[in-house]
Amino acid sequence: MLKITAALMTFLLVWPAWSQSTAASSKVSQAKSKTSAVKAGSKSKAAEVPRREPDTPMGLEELAIAERVHKGQLPCELGASVRLEADTSQPGYFYLHGKGFRYRMHPVATSTGAIRLEDRKAGAVWLQLANKSMLMDQNKGRRLADECANAEQVAFAENMKTNPPPSLIDTTGMGR
């Protein structure tokens, strides 16, 4: 009985890996056959049409975030500018254009309330705060555009200068 149980356990542990390797090898052979067909001069539909990544399904929270995104031409620091426009074919998605880049972005919920748009494939993140927006490259760990703002954000930033928000580190009343 112990030998049967051990054999059954071994089979159950090995079987998923075996089935995955069989599926992977069949995918490789399919890809090789498509490649050889293209090399032979015959054009298949799979070779002609580039595959687009499937869109991330939008929930109600993401669609609500998308409604608050500032769109249009946004001037940034150092004379740069970006253009953010809604994707008319897919609600909740946006195109962000600038000098040397174009990203297709979608909203991501945050715990801070900041509006965050991402292009996961490219590693680009657009953060929209009340007083400015910025574009970051997560792969390289740097900002591509900063201090981008529409008229509403500029007005909020000016208001912050005359009415600054309370300090995050308030030391009053702590015996100092």
C-alpha atoms as a PDB file:
ATOM      1  CA  MET A   1       0.000   0.000   0.000  1.00  0.00           C
ATOM      2  CA  LEU A   2       2.865   2.357   0.809  1.00  0.00           C
ATOM      3  CA  LYS A   3       4.457   1.746  -2.619  1.00  0.00           C
ATOM      4  CA  ILE A   4       1.165   2.518  -4.392  1.00  0.00           C
ATOM      5  CA  THR A   5       0.757   5.774  -2.443  1.00  0.00           C
ATOM      6  CA  ALA A   6       4.357   6.790  -3.219  1.00  0.00           C
ATOM      7  CA  ALA A   7       3.885   6.013  -6.921  1.00  0.00           C
ATOM      8  CA  LEU A   8       0.623   7.982  -7.022  1.00  0.00           C
ATOM      9  CA  MET A   9       2.225  10.986  -5.307  1.00  0.00           C
ATOM     10  CA  THR A  10       5.167  10.898  -7.732  1.00  0.00           C
ATOM     11  CA  PHE A  11       2.786  10.785 -10.691  1.00  0.00           C
ATOM     12  CA  LEU A  12       0.755  13.724  -9.360  1.00  0.00           C
ATOM     13  CA  LEU A  13       3.902  15.803  -8.841  1.00  0.00           C
ATOM     14  CA  VAL A  14       5.455  15.005 -12.236  1.00  0.00           C
ATOM     15  CA  TRP A  15       2.293  15.106 -14.382  1.00  0.00           C
ATOM     16  CA  PRO A  16       1.735  18.945 -14.318  1.00  0.00           C
ATOM     17  CA  ALA A  17       5.346  19.597 -15.373  1.00  0.00           C
ATOM     18  CA  TRP A  18       5.109  16.951 -18.123  1.00  0.00           C
ATOM     19  CA  SER A  19       1.857  18.413 -19.498  1.00  0.00           C
ATOM     20  CA  GLN A  20       3.309  21.935 -19.514  1.00  0.00           C
ATOM     21  CA  SER A  21       6.446  20.863 -21.343  1.00  0.00           C
ATOM     22  CA  THR A  22       4.324  19.049 -23.945  1.00  0.00           C
ATOM     23  CA  ALA A  23       2.216  22.186 -24.498  1.00  0.00           C
ATOM     24  CA  ALA A  24       5.316  24.371 -24.697  1.00  0.00           C
ATOM     25  CA  SER A  25       6.969  22.090 -27.241  1.00  0.00           C
ATOM     26  CA  SER A  26       3.834  22.103 -29.396  1.00  0.00           C
ATOM     27  CA  LYS A  27       3.802  25.923 -29.317  1.00  0.00           C
ATOM     28  CA  VAL A  28       7.454  25.973 -30.370  1.00  0.00           C
ATOM     29  CA  SER A  29       6.758  23.607 -33.256  1.00  0.00           C
ATOM     30  CA  GLN A  30       3.795  25.770 -34.350  1.00  0.00           C
ATOM     31  CA  ALA A  31       5.986  28.883 -34.275  1.00  0.00           C
ATOM     32  CA  LYS A  32       8.680  27.103 -36.297  1.00  0.00           C
ATOM     33  CA  SER A  33       6.155  26.038 -38.921  1.00  0.00           C
ATOM     34  CA  LYS A  34       4.832  29.624 -39.220  1.00  0.00           C
ATOM     35  CA  THR A  35       8.380  30.921 -39.567  1.00  0.00           C
ATOM     36  CA  SER A  36       9.241  28.404 -42.245  1.00  0.00           C
ATOM     37  CA  ALA A  37       6.031  29.242 -44.125  1.00  0.00           C
ATOM     38  CA  VAL A  38       6.955  32.927 -44.126  1.00  0.00           C
ATOM     39  CA  LYS A  39      10.499  32.135 -45.273  1.00  0.00           C
ATOM     40  CA  ALA A  40       9.119  29.995 -48.076  1.00  0.00           C
ATOM     41  CA  GLY A  41       7.315  33.024 -49.446  1.00  0.00           C
ATOM     42  CA  SER A  42       3.769  32.192 -48.430  1.00  0.00           C
ATOM     43  CA  LYS A  43       2.107  34.825 -46.311  1.00  0.00           C
ATOM     44  CA  SER A  44      -0.160  33.643 -43.535  1.00  0.00           C
ATOM     45  CA  LYS A  45      -2.534  35.965 -41.709  1.00  0.00           C
ATOM     46  CA  ALA A  46      -0.625  35.386 -38.466  1.00  0.00           C
ATOM     47  CA  ALA A  47       2.550  36.697 -40.107  1.00  0.00           C
ATOM     48  CA  GLU A  48       0.863  39.768 -41.627  1.00  0.00           C
ATOM     49  CA  VAL A  49      -0.967  41.108 -38.555  1.00  0.00           C
ATOM     50  CA  PRO A  50       1.103  42.054 -35.500  1.00  0.00           C
ATOM     51  CA  ARG A  51      -0.409  40.767 -32.286  1.00  0.00           C
ATOM     52  CA  ARG A  52      -1.641  43.429 -29.870  1.00  0.00           C
ATOM     53  CA  GLU A  53      -1.651  42.781 -26.151  1.00  0.00           C
ATOM     54  CA  PRO A  54      -5.140  42.295 -24.757  1.00  0.00           C
ATOM     55  CA  ASP A  55      -6.548  45.323 -22.972  1.00  0.00           C
ATOM     56  CA  THR A  56      -6.704  45.244 -19.201  1.00  0.00           C
ATOM     57  CA  PRO A  57     -10.382  44.978 -18.247  1.00  0.00           C
ATOM     58  CA  MET A  58     -11.665  48.240 -16.787  1.00  0.00           C
ATOM     59  CA  GLY A  59     -13.559  48.154 -13.538  1.00  0.00           C
ATOM     60  CA  LEU A  60     -15.831  50.887 -12.269  1.00  0.00           C
ATOM     61  CA  GLU A  61     -13.026  52.312 -10.119  1.00  0.00           C
ATOM     62  CA  GLU A  62     -10.647  52.624 -13.094  1.00  0.00           C
ATOM     63  CA  LEU A  63     -13.337  54.214 -15.270  1.00  0.00           C
ATOM     64  CA  ALA A  64     -14.041  56.737 -12.486  1.00  0.00           C
ATOM     65  CA  ILE A  65     -10.314  57.568 -12.363  1.00  0.00           C
ATOM     66  CA  ALA A  66     -10.256  58.001 -16.154  1.00  0.00           C
ATOM     67  CA  GLU A  67     -12.976  60.666 -15.926  1.00  0.00           C
ATOM     68  CA  ARG A  68     -10.721  62.833 -13.707  1.00  0.00           C
ATOM     69  CA  VAL A  69      -7.670  62.756 -16.009  1.00  0.00           C
ATOM     70  CA  HIS A  70      -6.627  66.156 -17.409  1.00  0.00           C
ATOM     71  CA  LYS A  71      -6.463  65.884 -21.191  1.00  0.00           C
ATOM     72  CA  GLY A  72      -5.033  68.133 -23.862  1.00  0.00           C
ATOM     73  CA  GLN A  73      -1.718  69.865 -24.443  1.00  0.00           C
ATOM     74  CA  LEU A  74       0.151  70.230 -21.138  1.00  0.00           C
ATOM     75  CA  PRO A  75       3.230  72.484 -20.961  1.00  0.00           C
ATOM     76  CA  CYS A  76       6.052  71.110 -18.811  1.00  0.00           C
ATOM     77  CA  GLU A  77       9.287  72.461 -17.351  1.00  0.00           C
ATOM     78  CA  LEU A  78      12.205  73.471 -19.567  1.00  0.00           C
ATOM     79  CA  GLY A  79       9.927  74.241 -22.525  1.00  0.00           C
ATOM     80  CA  ALA A  80       8.798  70.641 -23.029  1.00  0.00           C
ATOM     81  CA  SER A  81       5.167  69.629 -23.469  1.00  0.00           C
ATOM     82  CA  VAL A  82       3.037  66.500 -23.662  1.00  0.00           C
ATOM     83  CA  ARG A  83      -0.345  65.785 -25.200  1.00  0.00           C
ATOM     84  CA  LEU A  84      -2.746  63.460 -23.394  1.00  0.00           C
ATOM     85  CA  GLU A  85      -5.816  62.308 -25.306  1.00  0.00           C
ATOM     86  CA  ALA A  86      -8.474  59.690 -24.722  1.00  0.00           C
ATOM     87  CA  ASP A  87      -8.481  56.544 -26.852  1.00  0.00           C
ATOM     88  CA  THR A  88     -11.801  56.908 -28.675  1.00  0.00           C
ATOM     89  CA  SER A  89     -11.993  53.185 -29.466  1.00  0.00           C
ATOM     90  CA  GLN A  90     -11.502  51.990 -25.863  1.00  0.00           C
ATOM     91  CA  PRO A  91     -12.995  53.937 -22.903  1.00  0.00           C
ATOM     92  CA  GLY A  92     -10.571  54.398 -20.021  1.00  0.00           C
ATOM     93  CA  TYR A  93      -7.426  54.244 -22.171  1.00  0.00           C
ATOM     94  CA  PHE A  94      -5.277  57.231 -23.125  1.00  0.00           C
ATOM     95  CA  TYR A  95      -2.487  58.106 -25.529  1.00  0.00           C
ATOM     96  CA  LEU A  96       0.358  60.211 -24.141  1.00  0.00           C
ATOM     97  CA  HIS A  97       2.551  61.882 -26.789  1.00  0.00           C
ATOM     98  CA  GLY A  98       5.716  63.854 -26.365  1.00  0.00           C
ATOM     99  CA  LYS A  99       9.041  64.456 -28.056  1.00  0.00           C
ATOM    100  CA  GLY A 100      10.333  60.979 -28.875  1.00  0.00           C
ATOM    101  CA  PHE A 101       7.651  58.913 -27.150  1.00  0.00           C
ATOM    102  CA  ARG A 102       4.074  57.697 -27.421  1.00  0.00           C
ATOM    103  CA  TYR A 103       2.439  55.554 -24.762  1.00  0.00           C
ATOM    104  CA  ARG A 104      -0.959  53.892 -24.500  1.00  0.00           C
ATOM    105  CA  MET A 105      -1.918  54.145 -20.854  1.00  0.00           C
ATOM    106  CA  HIS A 106      -4.687  52.997 -18.560  1.00  0.00           C
ATOM    107  CA  PRO A 107      -5.678  54.060 -15.030  1.00  0.00           C
ATOM    108  CA  VAL A 108      -4.478  52.200 -11.952  1.00  0.00           C
ATOM    109  CA  ALA A 109      -6.026  52.670  -8.514  1.00  0.00           C
ATOM    110  CA  THR A 110      -3.746  54.140  -5.832  1.00  0.00           C
ATOM    111  CA  SER A 111      -4.015  54.339  -2.067  1.00  0.00           C
ATOM    112  CA  THR A 112      -3.059  58.045  -2.045  1.00  0.00           C
ATOM    113  CA  GLY A 113      -5.732  59.346  -4.396  1.00  0.00           C
ATOM    114  CA  ALA A 114      -3.193  60.464  -7.007  1.00  0.00           C
ATOM    115  CA  ILE A 115      -4.221  59.678 -10.560  1.00  0.00           C
ATOM    116  CA  ARG A 116      -1.884  57.067 -12.011  1.00  0.00           C
ATOM    117  CA  LEU A 117      -1.797  55.943 -15.637  1.00  0.00           C
ATOM    118  CA  GLU A 118       0.480  53.109 -16.740  1.00  0.00           C
ATOM    119  CA  ASP A 119       1.876  51.586 -19.891  1.00  0.00           C
ATOM    120  CA  ARG A 120       3.178  48.383 -18.308  1.00  0.00           C
ATOM    121  CA  LYS A 121       4.813  47.106 -21.474  1.00  0.00           C
ATOM    122  CA  ALA A 122       6.934  50.254 -21.876  1.00  0.00           C
ATOM    123  CA  GLY A 123       7.385  50.827 -18.130  1.00  0.00           C
ATOM    124  CA  ALA A 124       5.924  54.344 -18.308  1.00  0.00           C
ATOM    125  CA  VAL A 125       3.911  55.894 -15.466  1.00  0.00           C
ATOM    126  CA  TRP A 126       1.960  59.182 -15.591  1.00  0.00           C
ATOM    127  CA  LEU A 127       1.202  60.683 -12.178  1.00  0.00           C
ATOM    128  CA  GLN A 128      -1.331  63.480 -11.929  1.00  0.00           C
ATOM    129  CA  LEU A 129      -1.424  65.448  -8.688  1.00  0.00           C
ATOM    130  CA  ALA A 130      -3.540  68.478  -7.838  1.00  0.00           C
ATOM    131  CA  ASN A 131      -0.732  70.925  -8.695  1.00  0.00           C
ATOM    132  CA  LYS A 132       1.310  69.133 -11.396  1.00  0.00           C
ATOM    133  CA  SER A 133       1.780  65.964 -13.430  1.00  0.00           C
ATOM    134  CA  MET A 134       4.900  63.985 -14.296  1.00  0.00           C
ATOM    135  CA  LEU A 135       5.947  61.135 -16.562  1.00  0.00           C
ATOM    136  CA  MET A 136       8.355  58.533 -15.215  1.00  0.00           C
ATOM    137  CA  ASP A 137      10.260  55.678 -16.830  1.00  0.00           C
ATOM    138  CA  GLN A 138      10.224  52.832 -14.325  1.00  0.00           C
ATOM    139  CA  ASN A 139      12.715  50.769 -16.317  1.00  0.00           C
ATOM    140  CA  LYS A 140      15.389  53.480 -16.200  1.00  0.00           C
ATOM    141  CA  GLY A 141      14.277  54.982 -12.881  1.00  0.00           C
ATOM    142  CA  ARG A 142      14.036  58.589 -14.080  1.00  0.00           C
ATOM    143  CA  ARG A 143      11.529  61.295 -14.945  1.00  0.00           C
ATOM    144  CA  LEU A 144      10.877  61.934 -18.616  1.00  0.00           C
ATOM    145  CA  ALA A 145       8.708  65.027 -18.048  1.00  0.00           C
ATOM    146  CA  ASP A 146       8.036  67.027 -14.882  1.00  0.00           C
ATOM    147  CA  GLU A 147       5.999  70.041 -13.782  1.00  0.00           C
ATOM    148  CA  CYS A 148       3.425  69.414 -16.529  1.00  0.00           C
ATOM    149  CA  ALA A 149       0.183  71.241 -15.767  1.00  0.00           C
ATOM    150  CA  ASN A 150      -3.082  72.388 -17.285  1.00  0.00           C
ATOM    151  CA  ALA A 151      -4.817  75.631 -16.237  1.00  0.00           C
ATOM    152  CA  GLU A 152      -6.594  74.003 -13.268  1.00  0.00           C
ATOM    153  CA  GLN A 153      -3.329  72.588 -11.900  1.00  0.00           C
ATOM    154  CA  VAL A 154      -1.519  75.916 -12.369  1.00  0.00           C
ATOM    155  CA  ALA A 155      -4.258  77.693 -10.396  1.00  0.00           C
ATOM    156  CA  PHE A 156      -4.023  75.097  -7.608  1.00  0.00           C
ATOM    157  CA  ALA A 157      -0.211  75.489  -7.469  1.00  0.00           C
ATOM    158  CA  GLU A 158      -0.548  79.293  -7.217  1.00  0.00           C
ATOM    159  CA  ASN A 159      -3.080  78.881  -4.408  1.00  0.00           C
ATOM    160  CA  MET A 160      -0.624  76.593  -2.584  1.00  0.00           C
ATOM    161  CA  LYS A 161       1.951  79.399  -2.609  1.00  0.00           C
ATOM    162  CA  THR A 162      -0.364  81.819  -0.781  1.00  0.00           C
ATOM    163  CA  ASN A 163      -2.163  79.190   1.335  1.00  0.00           C
ATOM    164  CA  PRO A 164       0.340  76.397   1.984  1.00  0.00           C
ATOM    165  CA  PRO A 165      -1.049  73.085   3.217  1.00  0.00           C
ATOM    166  CA  PRO A 166      -0.299  72.077   6.820  1.00  0.00           C
ATOM    167  CA  SER A 167       3.081  70.463   7.431  1.00  0.00           C
ATOM    168  CA  LEU A 168       3.153  66.687   7.411  1.00  0.00           C
ATOM    169  CA  ILE A 169       5.559  66.749  10.349  1.00  0.00           C
ATOM    170  CA  ASP A 170       3.900  69.033  12.865  1.00  0.00           C
ATOM    171  CA  THR A 171       6.137  69.516  15.903  1.00  0.00           C
ATOM    172  CA  THR A 172       3.918  71.997  17.742  1.00  0.00           C
ATOM    173  CA  GLY A 173       2.509  70.743  21.003  1.00  0.00           C
ATOM    174  CA  MET A 174       5.205  68.111  21.442  1.00  0.00           C
ATOM    175  CA  GLY A 175       7.104  69.892  24.239  1.00  0.00           C
ATOM    176  CA  ARG A 176       9.667  71.506  21.967  1.00  0.00           C
END
